[in-house]
Each structure stands twice: as C-alpha cells, then as structure tokens.
Amino acid sequence: MEFKDYYKIMGVARDASQDEIKRAYRKLARKYHPDVSKEKDAEVRFKELGEAYEVLKDPEKRTAYDQLGTNWKANQEFRPPPDWNAGFEFSGQRFSGGDASQYSDFFESLFGQGFGARFGGGHEAAGRHGAAEGSFHRPGQDHYAKVLIDLEDSYTGATRTITLQVPGVDAQGHVSMREHKLNVKIPKGIRARQHIRLAGQGAPGHGQAKAGDLYLEIEFRTHPHYRIDEIDVYLDLPVAPWEAALGATVKTPTPDGLVELKIPADSAAGRKLRLKGRGIPGKTPGDFFVVLQIVVPPAANDTARDFYHNMAAQFKSFNPRARLGVKT
C-alpha cells in the first residue's frame, strides 16, 4: 500500500489554514468534476480530491494523518505502525466502515472500522447528543483516546499522570494542539481494549448541560521481557544446556515478582511451562507461560573448546537434524 500525500493532491502547504484548504478544494473540484471537466483523468483526480479533503477539512483526522505523515513521502510503501494513534484525544465524530470503504485502501487503513473502534465506537453515550441538538442546553460530546500503560500497572493497579493531545483550530484557522493532563486511576486487572470512563472530562456542555465523558482505551506498551496474549503473559526464559538436560530450579521474573521455577529434566528448546493464574489478574485470571530458550556458552578459550570437542566425541551418535531426514 502506498502512502498518499493529501497536501500534494490538494496543492496546499502542510501548514495551510482550514479556509485555504476549503478554497483549494472548491477550485480543484470545479476543475476536475467529471460532468464538466475535459481532463482525461478527471474522474480519478476528483475522487482523490474528495478523499484528501475528507481528511484535511477535519482537524481531528488531519491531526491523525499528520502524526503518520512526518516520515513518509508519496508513493512509498506504507503500513500504519502499531499504536500510532495513542495519546490523541478525539471527539465522537468517526467513520463507519461503509463511509471509509468508498475511498482508497490507504484511507480505509487509517479511518475505517479500526479507527472507529480505536476511538470508542460502540458507547451508547456517544450518540446521546443528537436528541438535544436543537436545544440551548446541550450535553457536551464524549471524547475518546487510546493510552499506553505498563503491564505491571495491570498487576498492581496504579495512579498515573497522562497527558493527551487535543486537536483544534486556532483563531487564524490553523490546526493546533492543546494538552489535557489527567491523573488516572488504573484498576488492577484491566486488560487491553478495555475502557476507563472519566465522567465530565469530555467536551463542555452548552448552557447548563453537563460535560461529556472521556473514554480511555487501554493498550499495553511493548515490554522488553513479556508478551501479552489477551489475559495470558509469556516470557522467553534463557536456560543453560545442563539446566535443560538435567533439570533445575531457577529464579524466574514475572510481572509481580520472582518465582522459583522447576525445569523438568530432558527439556527441549521451546518447551512451554505454565504458571496457572499468574497472568493478568481478574475474576478469571490469565496464566503465565515460560518458553524455554537454550543458551549455549561461547567457546571463547581453549578450555571451553576442549569441553565442546569432548562433548562431540561423547555424543557422536546424536543427530540434531534427524527429523529433517538429514544424516550426519
């Protein structure tokens, strides 16, 4: 999938005001409208313009696009990096899958069904404002953001200061950002894609109506040691060859502290050991899995090399590639 430069398609600078973008679109839309244009690629250009304008006219979508576009150029191969949208606070105005699918694969990958889900799609509160649209006292709109937390916070619970970036338009018509700083209580046992609701932290209400709510969607930061699969947690544990062959009890880290893990004798690389109930806490806790990785000491000196030569002689009938049909 190629990265699309919407600013180039619209013929505007990256710092163009919202009014400049609107004027550019009107001018180019008249030029390339298939009903009146004599340009041979008018239909394609008109569709590209519509897609670019759909993003750049909206400060929230434009901010999301700009977040990705800093290090990309038109026609480069592109895949959205994981958690690219974390830390941005958005309103409830999102695309449905049907709206997004009328545009390119690039557009749909950013603003399709995943975009709606990432920013709180499915909350009943998001649609509650329509009934009051015509009245002076109108509740504030709900807001949504994805935030990254450490795995350990889910094991213990924590209070963290989180700073969100909120897109908006300044007095000169340029997209600007303001910070929204919050002290958030992270409940023990929270899992990826669950939400924390912060009452009254969304958009302010009109008149005497109350403010909207802010929904924080939880994701875990990439951990240097652990992998997370729903409620289960995995650790690749390095062990020495003699520990795997003879069996051993080794100290093993988990997100809630060290444990003494018994490694059975004759364990092979890749063997999976389960610590029941030591995954992410909850009414039904997950499990913690240890995957054994055998680490071979280096033959860094004559003594070590002699050891390996003796080992080779001792196990000369052993064929580690026998299951591949390869003879030694």
C-alpha atoms as a PDB file:
ATOM      1  CA  MET A   1       0.000   0.000   0.000  1.00  0.00           C
ATOM      2  CA  GLU A   2       1.372   3.401  -0.991  1.00  0.00           C
ATOM      3  CA  PHE A   3       1.413   6.454   1.253  1.00  0.00           C
ATOM      4  CA  LYS A   4      -0.804   9.238  -0.119  1.00  0.00           C
ATOM      5  CA  ASP A   5       0.299  12.848   0.222  1.00  0.00           C
ATOM      6  CA  TYR A   6      -3.039  14.604   0.673  1.00  0.00           C
ATOM      7  CA  TYR A   7      -1.400  18.033   0.801  1.00  0.00           C
ATOM      8  CA  LYS A   8       0.202  17.458  -2.604  1.00  0.00           C
ATOM      9  CA  ILE A   9      -3.112  16.244  -4.036  1.00  0.00           C
ATOM     10  CA  MET A  10      -4.799  19.419  -2.764  1.00  0.00           C
ATOM     11  CA  GLY A  11      -1.904  21.650  -3.818  1.00  0.00           C
ATOM     12  CA  VAL A  12      -1.565  23.283  -0.395  1.00  0.00           C
ATOM     13  CA  ALA A  13       1.218  23.642   2.160  1.00  0.00           C
ATOM     14  CA  ARG A  14       1.271  21.406   5.215  1.00  0.00           C
ATOM     15  CA  ASP A  15       0.617  24.448   7.416  1.00  0.00           C
ATOM     16  CA  ALA A  16      -2.326  25.687   5.326  1.00  0.00           C
ATOM     17  CA  SER A  17      -5.288  27.063   7.243  1.00  0.00           C
ATOM     18  CA  GLN A  18      -8.648  25.313   7.162  1.00  0.00           C
ATOM     19  CA  ASP A  19     -10.026  28.137   4.964  1.00  0.00           C
ATOM     20  CA  GLU A  20      -7.144  27.728   2.495  1.00  0.00           C
ATOM     21  CA  ILE A  21      -7.879  24.020   2.270  1.00  0.00           C
ATOM     22  CA  LYS A  22     -11.568  24.699   1.648  1.00  0.00           C
ATOM     23  CA  ARG A  23     -10.805  27.211  -1.119  1.00  0.00           C
ATOM     24  CA  ALA A  24      -8.295  24.868  -2.768  1.00  0.00           C
ATOM     25  CA  TYR A  25     -10.828  22.049  -2.768  1.00  0.00           C
ATOM     26  CA  ARG A  26     -13.598  24.173  -4.317  1.00  0.00           C
ATOM     27  CA  LYS A  27     -11.276  25.374  -7.059  1.00  0.00           C
ATOM     28  CA  LEU A  28      -9.959  21.899  -7.940  1.00  0.00           C
ATOM     29  CA  ALA A  29     -13.361  20.238  -7.597  1.00  0.00           C
ATOM     30  CA  ARG A  30     -14.732  22.577 -10.279  1.00  0.00           C
ATOM     31  CA  LYS A  31     -11.738  21.831 -12.488  1.00  0.00           C
ATOM     32  CA  TYR A  32     -11.957  18.043 -12.244  1.00  0.00           C
ATOM     33  CA  HIS A  33     -15.661  17.388 -11.796  1.00  0.00           C
ATOM     34  CA  PRO A  34     -16.383  14.526 -14.242  1.00  0.00           C
ATOM     35  CA  ASP A  35     -19.557  16.213 -15.519  1.00  0.00           C
ATOM     36  CA  VAL A  36     -17.744  19.292 -16.772  1.00  0.00           C
ATOM     37  CA  SER A  37     -14.023  18.543 -16.961  1.00  0.00           C
ATOM     38  CA  LYS A  38     -12.279  17.736 -20.214  1.00  0.00           C
ATOM     39  CA  GLU A  39      -9.227  16.309 -18.406  1.00  0.00           C
ATOM     40  CA  LYS A  40      -8.789  12.625 -19.319  1.00  0.00           C
ATOM     41  CA  ASP A  41      -8.079  11.638 -15.705  1.00  0.00           C
ATOM     42  CA  ALA A  42     -10.795  13.876 -14.250  1.00  0.00           C
ATOM     43  CA  GLU A  43     -12.735  11.120 -12.520  1.00  0.00           C
ATOM     44  CA  VAL A  44      -9.645   9.721 -10.780  1.00  0.00           C
ATOM     45  CA  ARG A  45      -8.434  13.174  -9.736  1.00  0.00           C
ATOM     46  CA  PHE A  46     -11.884  14.142  -8.472  1.00  0.00           C
ATOM     47  CA  LYS A  47     -12.054  11.029  -6.308  1.00  0.00           C
ATOM     48  CA  GLU A  48      -8.543  11.665  -4.944  1.00  0.00           C
ATOM     49  CA  LEU A  49      -9.528  15.236  -4.128  1.00  0.00           C
ATOM     50  CA  GLY A  50     -12.614  14.078  -2.267  1.00  0.00           C
ATOM     51  CA  GLU A  51     -10.541  11.663  -0.207  1.00  0.00           C
ATOM     52  CA  ALA A  52      -7.868  14.262   0.594  1.00  0.00           C
ATOM     53  CA  TYR A  53     -10.462  16.862   1.537  1.00  0.00           C
ATOM     54  CA  GLU A  54     -12.322  14.388   3.745  1.00  0.00           C
ATOM     55  CA  VAL A  55      -9.177  14.171   5.876  1.00  0.00           C
ATOM     56  CA  LEU A  56      -7.756  17.687   5.734  1.00  0.00           C
ATOM     57  CA  LYS A  57     -11.043  19.532   6.344  1.00  0.00           C
ATOM     58  CA  ASP A  58     -11.425  17.811   9.724  1.00  0.00           C
ATOM     59  CA  PRO A  59      -8.912  18.899  12.412  1.00  0.00           C
ATOM     60  CA  GLU A  60      -9.030  15.512  14.146  1.00  0.00           C
ATOM     61  CA  LYS A  61      -8.482  13.398  11.049  1.00  0.00           C
ATOM     62  CA  ARG A  62      -5.891  15.877   9.820  1.00  0.00           C
ATOM     63  CA  THR A  63      -4.009  15.599  13.103  1.00  0.00           C
ATOM     64  CA  ALA A  64      -4.070  11.803  12.927  1.00  0.00           C
ATOM     65  CA  TYR A  65      -2.835  11.928   9.326  1.00  0.00           C
ATOM     66  CA  ASP A  66      -0.085  14.434  10.181  1.00  0.00           C
ATOM     67  CA  GLN A  67       1.052  12.192  13.025  1.00  0.00           C
ATOM     68  CA  LEU A  68       1.800   9.496  10.435  1.00  0.00           C
ATOM     69  CA  GLY A  69       2.929  11.658   7.565  1.00  0.00           C
ATOM     70  CA  THR A  70       6.029  13.234   9.068  1.00  0.00           C
ATOM     71  CA  ASN A  71       8.387  10.473   7.929  1.00  0.00           C
ATOM     72  CA  TRP A  72       6.654   9.357   4.735  1.00  0.00           C
ATOM     73  CA  LYS A  73       6.647  10.535   1.147  1.00  0.00           C
ATOM     74  CA  ALA A  74       4.108   9.986  -1.605  1.00  0.00           C
ATOM     75  CA  ASN A  75       4.247   6.548  -3.297  1.00  0.00           C
ATOM     76  CA  GLN A  76       6.366   4.986  -0.539  1.00  0.00           C
ATOM     77  CA  GLU A  77       5.294   1.615   0.804  1.00  0.00           C
ATOM     78  CA  PHE A  78       3.277   2.211   3.930  1.00  0.00           C
ATOM     79  CA  ARG A  79       1.869   0.277   6.869  1.00  0.00           C
ATOM     80  CA  PRO A  80       0.454   2.071   9.911  1.00  0.00           C
ATOM     81  CA  PRO A  81       2.786   1.386  12.843  1.00  0.00           C
ATOM     82  CA  PRO A  82       1.217  -0.127  15.951  1.00  0.00           C
ATOM     83  CA  ASP A  83      -0.341   2.335  18.408  1.00  0.00           C
ATOM     84  CA  TRP A  84       0.291   5.257  16.050  1.00  0.00           C
ATOM     85  CA  ASN A  85      -2.816   6.954  17.440  1.00  0.00           C
ATOM     86  CA  ALA A  86      -2.018   6.656  21.154  1.00  0.00           C
ATOM     87  CA  GLY A  87      -2.151   9.843  23.213  1.00  0.00           C
ATOM     88  CA  PHE A  88      -4.555  11.788  20.983  1.00  0.00           C
ATOM     89  CA  GLU A  89      -7.979  12.819  22.249  1.00  0.00           C
ATOM     90  CA  PHE A  90     -10.799  12.777  19.707  1.00  0.00           C
ATOM     91  CA  SER A  91     -14.486  13.537  19.675  1.00  0.00           C
ATOM     92  CA  GLY A  92     -17.189  11.038  18.777  1.00  0.00           C
ATOM     93  CA  GLN A  93     -17.262  12.048  15.099  1.00  0.00           C
ATOM     94  CA  ARG A  94     -15.903   8.904  13.473  1.00  0.00           C
ATOM     95  CA  PHE A  95     -16.228   6.986  10.241  1.00  0.00           C
ATOM     96  CA  SER A  96     -18.204   3.844   9.875  1.00  0.00           C
ATOM     97  CA  GLY A  97     -16.681   1.095   7.768  1.00  0.00           C
ATOM     98  CA  GLY A  98     -19.069   1.913   4.914  1.00  0.00           C
ATOM     99  CA  ASP A  99     -18.029   5.550   4.776  1.00  0.00           C
ATOM    100  CA  ALA A 100     -14.345   4.706   4.685  1.00  0.00           C
ATOM    101  CA  SER A 101     -14.562   1.924   2.108  1.00  0.00           C
ATOM    102  CA  GLN A 102     -15.565   4.309  -0.673  1.00  0.00           C
ATOM    103  CA  TYR A 103     -12.004   5.669  -0.633  1.00  0.00           C
ATOM    104  CA  SER A 104      -8.580   4.065  -1.092  1.00  0.00           C
ATOM    105  CA  ASP A 105      -7.056   1.224   0.883  1.00  0.00           C
ATOM    106  CA  PHE A 106      -4.709   3.792   2.418  1.00  0.00           C
ATOM    107  CA  PHE A 107      -7.650   5.832   3.705  1.00  0.00           C
ATOM    108  CA  GLU A 108      -9.535   2.801   4.991  1.00  0.00           C
ATOM    109  CA  SER A 109      -6.481   1.504   6.832  1.00  0.00           C
ATOM    110  CA  LEU A 110      -6.446   4.725   8.871  1.00  0.00           C
ATOM    111  CA  PHE A 111     -10.073   5.793   9.134  1.00  0.00           C
ATOM    112  CA  GLY A 112     -12.086   2.638   8.571  1.00  0.00           C
ATOM    113  CA  GLN A 113     -13.690   0.385  11.141  1.00  0.00           C
ATOM    114  CA  GLY A 114     -10.478   0.165  13.128  1.00  0.00           C
ATOM    115  CA  PHE A 115     -10.463   3.943  13.588  1.00  0.00           C
ATOM    116  CA  GLY A 116     -13.983   3.848  14.984  1.00  0.00           C
ATOM    117  CA  ALA A 117     -13.128   1.006  17.333  1.00  0.00           C
ATOM    118  CA  ARG A 118      -9.892   2.621  18.491  1.00  0.00           C
ATOM    119  CA  PHE A 119     -11.685   5.806  19.405  1.00  0.00           C
ATOM    120  CA  GLY A 120     -14.525   4.359  21.371  1.00  0.00           C
ATOM    121  CA  GLY A 121     -17.011   3.131  18.780  1.00  0.00           C
ATOM    122  CA  GLY A 122     -19.966   1.423  20.385  1.00  0.00           C
ATOM    123  CA  HIS A 123     -20.508   3.521  23.504  1.00  0.00           C
ATOM    124  CA  GLU A 124     -24.138   4.447  23.838  1.00  0.00           C
ATOM    125  CA  ALA A 125     -23.133   7.779  25.299  1.00  0.00           C
ATOM    126  CA  ALA A 126     -21.530   8.795  22.001  1.00  0.00           C
ATOM    127  CA  GLY A 127     -24.924   9.146  20.358  1.00  0.00           C
ATOM    128  CA  ARG A 128     -26.854  10.705  23.184  1.00  0.00           C
ATOM    129  CA  HIS A 129     -26.341  14.285  21.995  1.00  0.00           C
ATOM    130  CA  GLY A 130     -28.429  14.102  18.880  1.00  0.00           C
ATOM    131  CA  ALA A 131     -31.764  14.417  20.677  1.00  0.00           C
ATOM    132  CA  ALA A 132     -30.695  17.659  22.315  1.00  0.00           C
ATOM    133  CA  GLU A 133     -29.146  19.174  19.201  1.00  0.00           C
ATOM    134  CA  GLY A 134     -31.806  21.797  18.769  1.00  0.00           C
ATOM    135  CA  SER A 135     -31.960  22.961  22.385  1.00  0.00           C
ATOM    136  CA  PHE A 136     -29.828  25.567  24.102  1.00  0.00           C
ATOM    137  CA  HIS A 137     -28.896  23.265  26.954  1.00  0.00           C
ATOM    138  CA  ARG A 138     -26.947  20.599  25.096  1.00  0.00           C
ATOM    139  CA  PRO A 139     -24.734  17.986  26.771  1.00  0.00           C
ATOM    140  CA  GLY A 140     -21.077  18.039  25.807  1.00  0.00           C
ATOM    141  CA  GLN A 141     -19.789  15.486  23.375  1.00  0.00           C
ATOM    142  CA  ASP A 142     -17.957  12.407  24.608  1.00  0.00           C
ATOM    143  CA  HIS A 143     -14.263  12.157  23.801  1.00  0.00           C
ATOM    144  CA  TYR A 144     -12.032   9.135  23.227  1.00  0.00           C
ATOM    145  CA  ALA A 145      -8.333   8.382  23.437  1.00  0.00           C
ATOM    146  CA  LYS A 146      -6.043   5.386  23.361  1.00  0.00           C
ATOM    147  CA  VAL A 147      -3.447   5.324  26.137  1.00  0.00           C
ATOM    148  CA  LEU A 148      -0.483   3.033  26.717  1.00  0.00           C
ATOM    149  CA  ILE A 149       0.204   1.606  30.169  1.00  0.00           C
ATOM    150  CA  ASP A 150       2.831  -0.727  31.571  1.00  0.00           C
ATOM    151  CA  LEU A 151       1.873  -4.358  32.069  1.00  0.00           C
ATOM    152  CA  GLU A 152       2.880  -4.090  35.725  1.00  0.00           C
ATOM    153  CA  ASP A 153       0.178  -1.446  36.283  1.00  0.00           C
ATOM    154  CA  SER A 154      -2.470  -4.051  35.478  1.00  0.00           C
ATOM    155  CA  TYR A 155      -0.972  -6.468  38.002  1.00  0.00           C
ATOM    156  CA  THR A 156      -0.964  -3.991  40.897  1.00  0.00           C
ATOM    157  CA  GLY A 157      -3.254  -1.111  39.966  1.00  0.00           C
ATOM    158  CA  ALA A 158      -1.785   2.383  39.829  1.00  0.00           C
ATOM    159  CA  THR A 159      -2.446   6.098  39.561  1.00  0.00           C
ATOM    160  CA  ARG A 160      -0.687   7.710  36.610  1.00  0.00           C
ATOM    161  CA  THR A 161      -0.478  11.214  35.149  1.00  0.00           C
ATOM    162  CA  ILE A 162      -1.484  11.053  31.492  1.00  0.00           C
ATOM    163  CA  THR A 163      -1.094  13.916  29.028  1.00  0.00           C
ATOM    164  CA  LEU A 164      -3.309  13.828  25.947  1.00  0.00           C
ATOM    165  CA  GLN A 165      -3.029  15.961  22.820  1.00  0.00           C
ATOM    166  CA  VAL A 166      -6.330  17.536  21.785  1.00  0.00           C
ATOM    167  CA  PRO A 167      -6.661  18.790  18.169  1.00  0.00           C
ATOM    168  CA  GLY A 168      -8.433  22.066  17.494  1.00  0.00           C
ATOM    169  CA  VAL A 169      -8.411  25.178  15.285  1.00  0.00           C
ATOM    170  CA  ASP A 170      -6.882  28.463  16.445  1.00  0.00           C
ATOM    171  CA  ALA A 171      -8.114  31.994  15.724  1.00  0.00           C
ATOM    172  CA  GLN A 172      -6.127  32.102  12.451  1.00  0.00           C
ATOM    173  CA  GLY A 173      -7.774  28.916  11.179  1.00  0.00           C
ATOM    174  CA  HIS A 174      -4.743  26.661  11.658  1.00  0.00           C
ATOM    175  CA  VAL A 175      -4.886  23.257  13.293  1.00  0.00           C
ATOM    176  CA  SER A 176      -3.385  23.499  16.762  1.00  0.00           C
ATOM    177  CA  MET A 177      -2.925  21.208  19.749  1.00  0.00           C
ATOM    178  CA  ARG A 178      -3.612  21.714  23.426  1.00  0.00           C
ATOM    179  CA  GLU A 179      -2.622  19.458  26.282  1.00  0.00           C
ATOM    180  CA  HIS A 180      -5.147  17.731  28.518  1.00  0.00           C
ATOM    181  CA  LYS A 181      -3.384  16.473  31.653  1.00  0.00           C
ATOM    182  CA  LEU A 182      -5.161  13.954  33.881  1.00  0.00           C
ATOM    183  CA  ASN A 183      -4.486  11.877  36.972  1.00  0.00           C
ATOM    184  CA  VAL A 184      -5.938   8.491  36.073  1.00  0.00           C
ATOM    185  CA  LYS A 185      -6.574   5.585  38.399  1.00  0.00           C
ATOM    186  CA  ILE A 186      -5.732   2.352  36.583  1.00  0.00           C
ATOM    187  CA  PRO A 187      -7.674  -0.521  38.129  1.00  0.00           C
ATOM    188  CA  LYS A 188      -5.954  -3.791  38.922  1.00  0.00           C
ATOM    189  CA  GLY A 189      -6.658  -6.411  36.279  1.00  0.00           C
ATOM    190  CA  ILE A 190      -7.515  -4.050  33.427  1.00  0.00           C
ATOM    191  CA  ARG A 191      -6.927  -5.607  30.041  1.00  0.00           C
ATOM    192  CA  ALA A 192      -6.101  -4.428  26.539  1.00  0.00           C
ATOM    193  CA  ARG A 193      -9.026  -2.770  24.700  1.00  0.00           C
ATOM    194  CA  GLN A 194     -10.980  -2.200  27.898  1.00  0.00           C
ATOM    195  CA  HIS A 195     -12.033   1.366  28.689  1.00  0.00           C
ATOM    196  CA  ILE A 196     -11.709   3.695  31.640  1.00  0.00           C
ATOM    197  CA  ARG A 197     -14.557   6.235  31.794  1.00  0.00           C
ATOM    198  CA  LEU A 198     -13.742   9.673  33.179  1.00  0.00           C
ATOM    199  CA  ALA A 199     -17.042  11.424  33.832  1.00  0.00           C
ATOM    200  CA  GLY A 200     -17.195  15.084  32.790  1.00  0.00           C
ATOM    201  CA  GLN A 201     -13.766  15.091  31.099  1.00  0.00           C
ATOM    202  CA  GLY A 202     -15.119  15.288  27.559  1.00  0.00           C
ATOM    203  CA  ALA A 203     -16.301  18.413  25.740  1.00  0.00           C
ATOM    204  CA  PRO A 204     -18.054  21.077  27.854  1.00  0.00           C
ATOM    205  CA  GLY A 205     -21.835  21.251  27.678  1.00  0.00           C
ATOM    206  CA  HIS A 206     -23.849  24.202  26.366  1.00  0.00           C
ATOM    207  CA  GLY A 207     -25.924  26.259  28.744  1.00  0.00           C
ATOM    208  CA  GLN A 208     -26.422  24.382  31.983  1.00  0.00           C
ATOM    209  CA  ALA A 209     -25.991  20.927  30.471  1.00  0.00           C
ATOM    210  CA  LYS A 210     -23.233  18.714  31.786  1.00  0.00           C
ATOM    211  CA  ALA A 211     -19.939  17.994  30.060  1.00  0.00           C
ATOM    212  CA  GLY A 212     -19.372  14.835  28.081  1.00  0.00           C
ATOM    213  CA  ASP A 213     -17.259  11.936  29.268  1.00  0.00           C
ATOM    214  CA  LEU A 214     -13.777  10.832  28.259  1.00  0.00           C
ATOM    215  CA  TYR A 215     -13.221   7.164  27.434  1.00  0.00           C
ATOM    216  CA  LEU A 216      -9.645   5.909  27.629  1.00  0.00           C
ATOM    217  CA  GLU A 217      -8.983   2.742  25.666  1.00  0.00           C
ATOM    218  CA  ILE A 218      -6.185   0.740  27.246  1.00  0.00           C
ATOM    219  CA  GLU A 219      -3.267  -0.792  25.384  1.00  0.00           C
ATOM    220  CA  PHE A 220      -0.038  -2.155  26.834  1.00  0.00           C
ATOM    221  CA  ARG A 221       3.353  -0.757  25.971  1.00  0.00           C
ATOM    222  CA  THR A 222       5.740  -3.171  24.324  1.00  0.00           C
ATOM    223  CA  HIS A 223       7.589  -4.859  27.172  1.00  0.00           C
ATOM    224  CA  PRO A 224      11.295  -5.771  26.986  1.00  0.00           C
ATOM    225  CA  HIS A 225      10.631  -9.208  28.521  1.00  0.00           C
ATOM    226  CA  TYR A 226       6.974 -10.192  28.342  1.00  0.00           C
ATOM    227  CA  ARG A 227       4.482 -10.812  25.545  1.00  0.00           C
ATOM    228  CA  ILE A 228       0.746 -10.459  26.130  1.00  0.00           C
ATOM    229  CA  ASP A 229      -1.957 -12.575  24.524  1.00  0.00           C
ATOM    230  CA  GLU A 230      -5.382 -11.465  25.795  1.00  0.00           C
ATOM    231  CA  ILE A 231      -5.127 -12.359  29.520  1.00  0.00           C
ATOM    232  CA  ASP A 232      -2.088 -14.634  29.267  1.00  0.00           C
ATOM    233  CA  VAL A 233       1.512 -13.463  29.564  1.00  0.00           C
ATOM    234  CA  TYR A 234       4.579 -15.116  28.009  1.00  0.00           C
ATOM    235  CA  LEU A 235       8.273 -14.986  28.860  1.00  0.00           C
ATOM    236  CA  ASP A 236      11.145 -16.446  26.820  1.00  0.00           C
ATOM    237  CA  LEU A 237      13.430 -17.805  29.551  1.00  0.00           C
ATOM    238  CA  PRO A 238      17.108 -18.441  28.754  1.00  0.00           C
ATOM    239  CA  VAL A 239      18.447 -21.644  30.320  1.00  0.00           C
ATOM    240  CA  ALA A 240      21.820 -23.376  30.152  1.00  0.00           C
ATOM    241  CA  PRO A 241      22.084 -26.714  28.314  1.00  0.00           C
ATOM    242  CA  TRP A 242      22.753 -28.597  31.580  1.00  0.00           C
ATOM    243  CA  GLU A 243      19.697 -26.990  33.221  1.00  0.00           C
ATOM    244  CA  ALA A 244      17.514 -28.216  30.366  1.00  0.00           C
ATOM    245  CA  ALA A 245      19.131 -31.656  30.227  1.00  0.00           C
ATOM    246  CA  LEU A 246      19.421 -32.430  33.933  1.00  0.00           C
ATOM    247  CA  GLY A 247      16.565 -30.354  35.304  1.00  0.00           C
ATOM    248  CA  ALA A 248      16.956 -27.399  37.647  1.00  0.00           C
ATOM    249  CA  THR A 249      15.137 -24.866  39.772  1.00  0.00           C
ATOM    250  CA  VAL A 250      15.816 -21.341  38.518  1.00  0.00           C
ATOM    251  CA  LYS A 251      14.740 -17.854  39.568  1.00  0.00           C
ATOM    252  CA  THR A 252      12.289 -16.533  37.011  1.00  0.00           C
ATOM    253  CA  PRO A 253      10.902 -12.978  36.763  1.00  0.00           C
ATOM    254  CA  THR A 254       7.160 -12.376  36.483  1.00  0.00           C
ATOM    255  CA  PRO A 255       5.329  -9.032  36.477  1.00  0.00           C
ATOM    256  CA  ASP A 256       4.503  -9.496  40.178  1.00  0.00           C
ATOM    257  CA  GLY A 257       7.917 -10.711  41.344  1.00  0.00           C
ATOM    258  CA  LEU A 258      10.442 -13.540  41.171  1.00  0.00           C
ATOM    259  CA  VAL A 259       9.353 -17.177  41.406  1.00  0.00           C
ATOM    260  CA  GLU A 260      11.330 -20.396  41.776  1.00  0.00           C
ATOM    261  CA  LEU A 261      10.578 -22.341  38.589  1.00  0.00           C
ATOM    262  CA  LYS A 262      11.247 -26.062  38.333  1.00  0.00           C
ATOM    263  CA  ILE A 263      12.564 -27.075  34.915  1.00  0.00           C
ATOM    264  CA  PRO A 264      11.974 -30.770  34.210  1.00  0.00           C
ATOM    265  CA  ALA A 265      14.892 -32.897  33.037  1.00  0.00           C
ATOM    266  CA  ASP A 266      15.219 -33.575  29.302  1.00  0.00           C
ATOM    267  CA  SER A 267      13.522 -30.258  28.422  1.00  0.00           C
ATOM    268  CA  ALA A 268      13.937 -29.140  24.814  1.00  0.00           C
ATOM    269  CA  ALA A 269      14.115 -25.603  23.469  1.00  0.00           C
ATOM    270  CA  GLY A 270      10.629 -24.211  23.012  1.00  0.00           C
ATOM    271  CA  ARG A 271       9.103 -26.234  25.831  1.00  0.00           C
ATOM    272  CA  LYS A 272       6.261 -24.296  27.428  1.00  0.00           C
ATOM    273  CA  LEU A 273       5.758 -24.324  31.198  1.00  0.00           C
ATOM    274  CA  ARG A 274       2.562 -22.879  32.685  1.00  0.00           C
ATOM    275  CA  LEU A 275       2.165 -20.984  35.937  1.00  0.00           C
ATOM    276  CA  LYS A 276      -1.593 -21.135  36.410  1.00  0.00           C
ATOM    277  CA  GLY A 277      -3.340 -17.934  37.441  1.00  0.00           C
ATOM    278  CA  ARG A 278      -0.211 -15.766  37.218  1.00  0.00           C
ATOM    279  CA  GLY A 279      -1.276 -13.934  34.081  1.00  0.00           C
ATOM    280  CA  ILE A 280      -3.296 -10.713  34.132  1.00  0.00           C
ATOM    281  CA  PRO A 281      -5.368 -10.638  37.353  1.00  0.00           C
ATOM    282  CA  GLY A 282      -9.130 -10.805  37.343  1.00  0.00           C
ATOM    283  CA  LYS A 283     -12.149 -12.853  38.349  1.00  0.00           C
ATOM    284  CA  THR A 284     -10.783 -15.371  35.857  1.00  0.00           C
ATOM    285  CA  PRO A 285      -7.054 -14.631  35.852  1.00  0.00           C
ATOM    286  CA  GLY A 286      -4.824 -15.442  32.943  1.00  0.00           C
ATOM    287  CA  ASP A 287      -1.855 -17.794  33.023  1.00  0.00           C
ATOM    288  CA  PHE A 288       1.857 -17.082  32.835  1.00  0.00           C
ATOM    289  CA  PHE A 289       3.779 -19.170  30.305  1.00  0.00           C
ATOM    290  CA  VAL A 290       7.522 -19.687  30.303  1.00  0.00           C
ATOM    291  CA  VAL A 291       9.030 -20.717  26.953  1.00  0.00           C
ATOM    292  CA  LEU A 292      12.478 -22.276  27.358  1.00  0.00           C
ATOM    293  CA  GLN A 293      15.297 -20.917  25.218  1.00  0.00           C
ATOM    294  CA  ILE A 294      18.548 -22.884  25.474  1.00  0.00           C
ATOM    295  CA  VAL A 295      21.599 -20.625  25.508  1.00  0.00           C
ATOM    296  CA  VAL A 296      24.930 -22.239  24.592  1.00  0.00           C
ATOM    297  CA  PRO A 297      28.070 -20.881  26.309  1.00  0.00           C
ATOM    298  CA  PRO A 298      30.628 -19.459  23.858  1.00  0.00           C
ATOM    299  CA  ALA A 299      33.776 -21.399  23.022  1.00  0.00           C
ATOM    300  CA  ALA A 300      35.859 -18.400  23.974  1.00  0.00           C
ATOM    301  CA  ASN A 301      39.049 -20.132  25.181  1.00  0.00           C
ATOM    302  CA  ASP A 302      40.992 -23.393  24.887  1.00  0.00           C
ATOM    303  CA  THR A 303      39.327 -24.918  27.933  1.00  0.00           C
ATOM    304  CA  ALA A 304      35.854 -24.272  26.556  1.00  0.00           C
ATOM    305  CA  ARG A 305      36.833 -25.574  23.109  1.00  0.00           C
ATOM    306  CA  ASP A 306      38.256 -28.747  24.630  1.00  0.00           C
ATOM    307  CA  PHE A 307      34.996 -29.220  26.505  1.00  0.00           C
ATOM    308  CA  TYR A 308      32.996 -29.000  23.263  1.00  0.00           C
ATOM    309  CA  HIS A 309      35.373 -31.409  21.487  1.00  0.00           C
ATOM    310  CA  ASN A 310      34.894 -33.906  24.306  1.00  0.00           C
ATOM    311  CA  MET A 311      31.147 -33.357  24.171  1.00  0.00           C
ATOM    312  CA  ALA A 312      31.111 -34.009  20.418  1.00  0.00           C
ATOM    313  CA  ALA A 313      33.008 -37.260  20.961  1.00  0.00           C
ATOM    314  CA  GLN A 314      30.682 -38.285  23.787  1.00  0.00           C
ATOM    315  CA  PHE A 315      27.549 -37.691  21.688  1.00  0.00           C
ATOM    316  CA  LYS A 316      28.900 -38.649  18.261  1.00  0.00           C
ATOM    317  CA  SER A 317      25.773 -40.710  17.506  1.00  0.00           C
ATOM    318  CA  PHE A 318      23.453 -37.784  18.273  1.00  0.00           C
ATOM    319  CA  ASN A 319      21.919 -36.224  15.131  1.00  0.00           C
ATOM    320  CA  PRO A 320      20.134 -32.946  15.850  1.00  0.00           C
ATOM    321  CA  ARG A 321      18.791 -32.874  12.258  1.00  0.00           C
ATOM    322  CA  ALA A 322      17.373 -36.387  12.174  1.00  0.00           C
ATOM    323  CA  ARG A 323      13.760 -35.213  11.931  1.00  0.00           C
ATOM    324  CA  LEU A 324      14.684 -33.313   8.761  1.00  0.00           C
ATOM    325  CA  GLY A 325      15.848 -36.501   7.111  1.00  0.00           C
ATOM    326  CA  VAL A 326      19.476 -35.340   7.148  1.00  0.00           C
ATOM    327  CA  LYS A 327      22.164 -37.842   8.039  1.00  0.00           C
ATOM    328  CA  THR A 328      25.312 -36.781   9.830  1.00  0.00           C
END
